[in-house]
Amino acid sequence: MNATRIIAIVLIAAGALGLVYRSFSYTKDTTVVKIGPLELQAEEKQTVNIPLWAGIGAIVIGGLLLVVGGRK
C-alpha cells in the first residue's frame, strides 16, 4: 500500500469515529493561585465537540483519495 491509501483509510476511520462519538473529553491541570512558593492547582474537564460536517468531510475526502489514488 502506498501513502495515499494509508492516509485515505485513516481519514475514513477518523470520520467514522467522529460521527459515532460526536465529542471527547480530557482533563487539564491549571494553576488557580500562586503566592510565592505556594501554588493551588485545579483540574478542569474540557469537552471538544466534533461537528457533523467534519466527520462527513473526512469520510468523503478519504473516499476520494482512495478512488483517485487507485487510478495511478
N, C-alpha and C. Protein backbone atom coordinates (compact mmCIF):
# COMPACT_ATOMS: atom_id res chain seq x y z
N MET A 1 0.84 -1.19 0.00
CA MET A 1 0.00 0.00 0.00
C MET A 1 0.88 1.24 0.00
N ASN A 2 0.45 2.22 -0.76
CA ASN A 2 1.21 3.46 -0.77
C ASN A 2 0.67 4.43 0.28
N ALA A 3 1.33 5.56 0.42
CA ALA A 3 0.99 6.52 1.47
C ALA A 3 -0.40 7.12 1.26
N THR A 4 -0.82 7.32 0.01
CA THR A 4 -2.13 7.91 -0.27
C THR A 4 -3.25 7.02 0.25
N ARG A 5 -3.14 5.73 0.04
CA ARG A 5 -4.17 4.81 0.53
C ARG A 5 -4.20 4.75 2.05
N ILE A 6 -3.04 4.80 2.67
CA ILE A 6 -2.99 4.77 4.14
C ILE A 6 -3.65 6.02 4.71
N ILE A 7 -3.34 7.19 4.13
CA ILE A 7 -3.97 8.44 4.58
C ILE A 7 -5.47 8.38 4.36
N ALA A 8 -5.91 7.83 3.23
CA ALA A 8 -7.34 7.73 2.94
C ALA A 8 -8.05 6.85 3.97
N ILE A 9 -7.45 5.73 4.31
CA ILE A 9 -8.06 4.82 5.29
C ILE A 9 -8.11 5.47 6.67
N VAL A 10 -7.06 6.20 7.03
CA VAL A 10 -7.04 6.90 8.33
C VAL A 10 -8.13 7.97 8.36
N LEU A 11 -8.30 8.71 7.27
CA LEU A 11 -9.35 9.74 7.21
C LEU A 11 -10.74 9.12 7.33
N ILE A 12 -10.97 8.02 6.65
CA ILE A 12 -12.28 7.36 6.72
C ILE A 12 -12.54 6.86 8.14
N ALA A 13 -11.54 6.26 8.77
CA ALA A 13 -11.71 5.75 10.13
C ALA A 13 -11.94 6.91 11.11
N ALA A 14 -11.18 7.99 10.97
CA ALA A 14 -11.36 9.14 11.87
C ALA A 14 -12.72 9.78 11.67
N GLY A 15 -13.18 9.87 10.44
CA GLY A 15 -14.51 10.43 10.17
C GLY A 15 -15.61 9.57 10.76
N ALA A 16 -15.46 8.26 10.65
CA ALA A 16 -16.47 7.36 11.22
C ALA A 16 -16.48 7.46 12.74
N LEU A 17 -15.31 7.53 13.36
CA LEU A 17 -15.25 7.68 14.81
C LEU A 17 -15.85 9.02 15.25
N GLY A 18 -15.61 10.06 14.45
CA GLY A 18 -16.17 11.36 14.77
C GLY A 18 -17.69 11.36 14.70
N LEU A 19 -18.24 10.61 13.75
CA LEU A 19 -19.70 10.52 13.64
C LEU A 19 -20.30 9.70 14.78
N VAL A 20 -19.58 8.69 15.23
CA VAL A 20 -20.10 7.82 16.28
C VAL A 20 -20.02 8.50 17.65
N TYR A 21 -18.86 9.07 17.99
CA TYR A 21 -18.66 9.60 19.34
C TYR A 21 -19.09 11.05 19.52
N ARG A 22 -19.04 11.86 18.48
CA ARG A 22 -19.51 13.26 18.47
C ARG A 22 -18.74 14.21 19.39
N SER A 23 -18.04 13.73 20.41
CA SER A 23 -17.23 14.59 21.28
C SER A 23 -16.25 13.74 22.08
N PHE A 24 -15.23 14.41 22.62
CA PHE A 24 -14.31 13.72 23.53
C PHE A 24 -13.91 14.69 24.63
N SER A 25 -13.52 14.14 25.77
CA SER A 25 -13.17 14.94 26.94
C SER A 25 -11.74 14.65 27.37
N TYR A 26 -11.13 15.66 27.98
CA TYR A 26 -9.81 15.49 28.56
C TYR A 26 -9.71 16.37 29.80
N THR A 27 -8.75 16.07 30.66
CA THR A 27 -8.55 16.81 31.90
C THR A 27 -7.32 17.69 31.77
N LYS A 28 -7.46 18.94 32.19
CA LYS A 28 -6.38 19.91 32.08
C LYS A 28 -6.07 20.46 33.47
N ASP A 29 -4.79 20.42 33.87
CA ASP A 29 -4.36 20.99 35.15
C ASP A 29 -4.06 22.47 34.97
N THR A 30 -4.66 23.31 35.82
CA THR A 30 -4.40 24.74 35.75
C THR A 30 -4.02 25.26 37.14
N THR A 31 -3.18 26.27 37.16
CA THR A 31 -2.79 26.92 38.40
C THR A 31 -3.81 28.01 38.70
N VAL A 32 -4.50 27.89 39.84
CA VAL A 32 -5.53 28.85 40.22
C VAL A 32 -4.89 30.03 40.94
N VAL A 33 -4.08 29.75 41.96
CA VAL A 33 -3.45 30.80 42.76
C VAL A 33 -1.99 30.43 42.96
N LYS A 34 -1.11 31.42 42.80
CA LYS A 34 0.30 31.19 43.08
C LYS A 34 0.80 32.37 43.92
N ILE A 35 1.11 32.09 45.18
CA ILE A 35 1.61 33.10 46.09
C ILE A 35 2.96 32.63 46.60
N GLY A 36 3.99 33.24 46.10
CA GLY A 36 5.34 32.84 46.50
C GLY A 36 5.58 31.38 46.15
N PRO A 37 6.04 30.59 47.12
CA PRO A 37 6.30 29.17 46.85
C PRO A 37 5.03 28.31 46.89
N LEU A 38 3.92 28.88 47.39
CA LEU A 38 2.67 28.12 47.46
C LEU A 38 1.90 28.22 46.15
N GLU A 39 1.33 27.10 45.77
CA GLU A 39 0.63 27.04 44.50
C GLU A 39 -0.61 26.19 44.65
N LEU A 40 -1.76 26.68 44.18
CA LEU A 40 -3.01 25.95 44.24
C LEU A 40 -3.42 25.59 42.82
N GLN A 41 -3.56 24.29 42.57
CA GLN A 41 -3.92 23.83 41.24
C GLN A 41 -5.29 23.19 41.25
N ALA A 42 -5.95 23.23 40.10
CA ALA A 42 -7.26 22.60 39.94
C ALA A 42 -7.29 21.86 38.61
N GLU A 43 -8.08 20.80 38.57
CA GLU A 43 -8.26 20.06 37.34
C GLU A 43 -9.56 20.52 36.68
N GLU A 44 -9.46 20.87 35.41
CA GLU A 44 -10.63 21.28 34.65
C GLU A 44 -10.92 20.22 33.60
N LYS A 45 -12.17 19.82 33.49
CA LYS A 45 -12.56 18.87 32.47
C LYS A 45 -13.01 19.65 31.24
N GLN A 46 -12.33 19.42 30.13
CA GLN A 46 -12.63 20.10 28.88
C GLN A 46 -13.32 19.11 27.94
N THR A 47 -14.31 19.59 27.21
CA THR A 47 -15.01 18.77 26.23
C THR A 47 -14.88 19.42 24.86
N VAL A 48 -14.49 18.64 23.86
CA VAL A 48 -14.36 19.12 22.50
C VAL A 48 -15.45 18.44 21.67
N ASN A 49 -16.32 19.23 21.06
CA ASN A 49 -17.38 18.69 20.20
C ASN A 49 -16.87 18.60 18.77
N ILE A 50 -17.16 17.48 18.12
CA ILE A 50 -16.76 17.28 16.73
C ILE A 50 -17.98 17.56 15.86
N PRO A 51 -17.89 18.56 14.98
CA PRO A 51 -19.04 18.88 14.14
C PRO A 51 -19.38 17.75 13.17
N LEU A 52 -20.65 17.66 12.83
CA LEU A 52 -21.12 16.63 11.91
C LEU A 52 -20.44 16.77 10.55
N TRP A 53 -20.28 18.01 10.08
CA TRP A 53 -19.68 18.23 8.77
C TRP A 53 -18.22 17.78 8.73
N ALA A 54 -17.52 17.83 9.85
CA ALA A 54 -16.12 17.41 9.88
C ALA A 54 -16.00 15.90 9.69
N GLY A 55 -16.89 15.14 10.35
CA GLY A 55 -16.88 13.69 10.19
C GLY A 55 -17.23 13.26 8.78
N ILE A 56 -18.28 13.87 8.23
CA ILE A 56 -18.70 13.54 6.86
C ILE A 56 -17.63 13.97 5.87
N GLY A 57 -17.04 15.15 6.09
CA GLY A 57 -15.99 15.63 5.19
C GLY A 57 -14.77 14.73 5.17
N ALA A 58 -14.38 14.22 6.34
CA ALA A 58 -13.23 13.32 6.40
C ALA A 58 -13.51 12.02 5.65
N ILE A 59 -14.74 11.51 5.77
CA ILE A 59 -15.10 10.28 5.04
C ILE A 59 -15.10 10.53 3.54
N VAL A 60 -15.66 11.66 3.11
CA VAL A 60 -15.72 11.97 1.67
C VAL A 60 -14.32 12.17 1.10
N ILE A 61 -13.49 12.92 1.79
CA ILE A 61 -12.12 13.15 1.30
C ILE A 61 -11.33 11.85 1.28
N GLY A 62 -11.49 11.02 2.29
CA GLY A 62 -10.82 9.71 2.30
C GLY A 62 -11.28 8.83 1.16
N GLY A 63 -12.58 8.84 0.88
CA GLY A 63 -13.11 8.07 -0.25
C GLY A 63 -12.57 8.57 -1.58
N LEU A 64 -12.51 9.89 -1.73
CA LEU A 64 -11.95 10.45 -2.97
C LEU A 64 -10.48 10.10 -3.13
N LEU A 65 -9.73 10.12 -2.04
CA LEU A 65 -8.33 9.73 -2.12
C LEU A 65 -8.17 8.27 -2.52
N LEU A 66 -9.05 7.41 -2.03
CA LEU A 66 -8.99 6.00 -2.43
C LEU A 66 -9.27 5.83 -3.91
N VAL A 67 -10.27 6.54 -4.42
CA VAL A 67 -10.63 6.42 -5.84
C VAL A 67 -9.56 7.02 -6.73
N VAL A 68 -9.13 8.26 -6.42
CA VAL A 68 -8.15 8.94 -7.24
C VAL A 68 -6.77 8.30 -7.09
N GLY A 69 -6.43 7.88 -5.90
CA GLY A 69 -5.13 7.24 -5.66
C GLY A 69 -5.01 5.89 -6.33
N GLY A 70 -6.14 5.22 -6.57
CA GLY A 70 -6.13 3.91 -7.20
C GLY A 70 -5.99 3.97 -8.72
N ARG A 71 -6.17 5.14 -9.31
CA ARG A 71 -6.11 5.29 -10.78
C ARG A 71 -4.71 5.34 -11.32
N LYS A 72 -3.73 5.56 -10.47
CA LYS A 72 -2.35 5.72 -10.98
C LYS A 72 -1.81 4.44 -11.53
